[in-house]
């Protein structure tokens, strides 16, 4: 994928603050269905961690999210 995600959102008139931005971007063909699913998983991990307390913070899930994000960045920049 060439160009930044921000550029892709602008090109397709998609608000980066919109709840369904990844689904909308996938429909344009700019990202694959698998990448859309990875973004969704990252969002779910983020939401779980943000709403966690110190006692139930899931460091393993955080590590999974970091690995997933690094792989996704590699795909998008590759």
Protein backbone atom coordinates (compact mmCIF):
# COMPACT_ATOMS: atom_id res chain seq x y z
CA UNK A 1 0.00 0.00 0.00
CA UNK A 2 1.51 3.29 -1.07
CA UNK A 3 0.83 6.48 0.84
CA UNK A 4 -0.13 7.01 4.43
CA UNK A 5 -3.39 5.84 5.93
CA UNK A 6 -4.29 9.46 6.53
CA UNK A 7 -3.89 10.13 2.81
CA UNK A 8 -6.03 7.11 1.93
CA UNK A 9 -8.80 8.29 4.26
CA UNK A 10 -8.72 11.74 2.63
CA UNK A 11 -8.68 10.31 -0.91
CA UNK A 12 -11.83 8.32 -0.20
CA UNK A 13 -13.50 11.02 1.94
CA UNK A 14 -13.46 8.83 5.05
CA UNK A 15 -13.32 10.52 8.44
CA UNK A 16 -10.39 9.14 10.46
CA UNK A 17 -12.55 9.60 13.56
CA UNK A 18 -15.40 7.52 12.16
CA UNK A 19 -16.20 4.26 13.96
CA UNK A 20 -16.32 2.23 10.74
CA UNK A 21 -13.28 3.77 9.05
CA UNK A 22 -11.43 0.44 8.60
CA UNK A 23 -14.46 -1.24 7.09
CA UNK A 24 -14.93 1.69 4.73
CA UNK A 25 -11.25 1.63 3.74
CA UNK A 26 -11.41 -2.13 3.10
CA UNK A 27 -14.37 -1.60 0.77
CA UNK A 28 -12.22 0.75 -1.33
CA UNK A 29 -9.61 -1.98 -1.78
CA UNK A 30 -6.91 0.02 -0.01
CA UNK A 31 -6.57 -2.65 2.70
CA UNK A 32 -7.37 -6.35 2.56
CA UNK A 33 -10.07 -8.15 4.53
CA UNK A 34 -7.31 -9.74 6.64
CA UNK A 35 -5.85 -6.32 7.43
CA UNK A 36 -9.33 -5.06 8.32
CA UNK A 37 -9.66 -7.99 10.74
CA UNK A 38 -6.23 -7.18 12.23
CA UNK A 39 -7.25 -3.55 12.80
CA UNK A 40 -10.45 -4.79 14.45
CA UNK A 41 -8.49 -7.11 16.73
CA UNK A 42 -6.14 -4.27 17.67
CA UNK A 43 -9.11 -2.06 18.50
CA UNK A 44 -10.57 -4.77 20.71
CA UNK A 45 -7.24 -5.26 22.50
CA UNK A 46 -6.92 -1.51 22.99
CA UNK A 47 -10.44 -1.18 24.36
CA UNK A 48 -9.93 -4.05 26.79
CA UNK A 49 -6.61 -2.69 28.04
CA UNK A 50 -7.85 0.90 28.40
CA UNK A 51 -10.73 -0.25 30.56
CA UNK A 52 -8.58 -2.58 32.68
CA UNK A 53 -7.44 -1.93 36.20
CA UNK A 54 -3.96 -2.61 37.50
CA UNK A 55 -5.21 -5.90 38.92
CA UNK A 56 -6.61 -7.25 35.64
CA UNK A 57 -4.26 -5.68 33.10
CA UNK A 58 -3.35 -8.37 30.57
CA UNK A 59 0.34 -8.05 29.66
CA UNK A 60 0.18 -11.09 27.39
CA UNK A 61 -2.64 -9.48 25.42
CA UNK A 62 -0.59 -6.28 25.21
CA UNK A 63 2.36 -8.23 23.79
CA UNK A 64 0.04 -9.85 21.25
CA UNK A 65 -1.20 -6.42 20.22
CA UNK A 66 2.33 -5.08 19.79
CA UNK A 67 3.33 -8.06 17.61
CA UNK A 68 0.15 -7.70 15.56
CA UNK A 69 0.68 -3.95 15.11
CA UNK A 70 4.31 -4.43 14.06
CA UNK A 71 3.33 -7.05 11.48
CA UNK A 72 0.52 -4.86 10.17
CA UNK A 73 2.82 -1.84 9.85
CA UNK A 74 5.27 -4.00 7.92
CA UNK A 75 2.54 -5.11 5.52
CA UNK A 76 1.22 -1.60 4.97
CA UNK A 77 4.69 -0.13 4.42
CA UNK A 78 5.91 -3.07 2.31
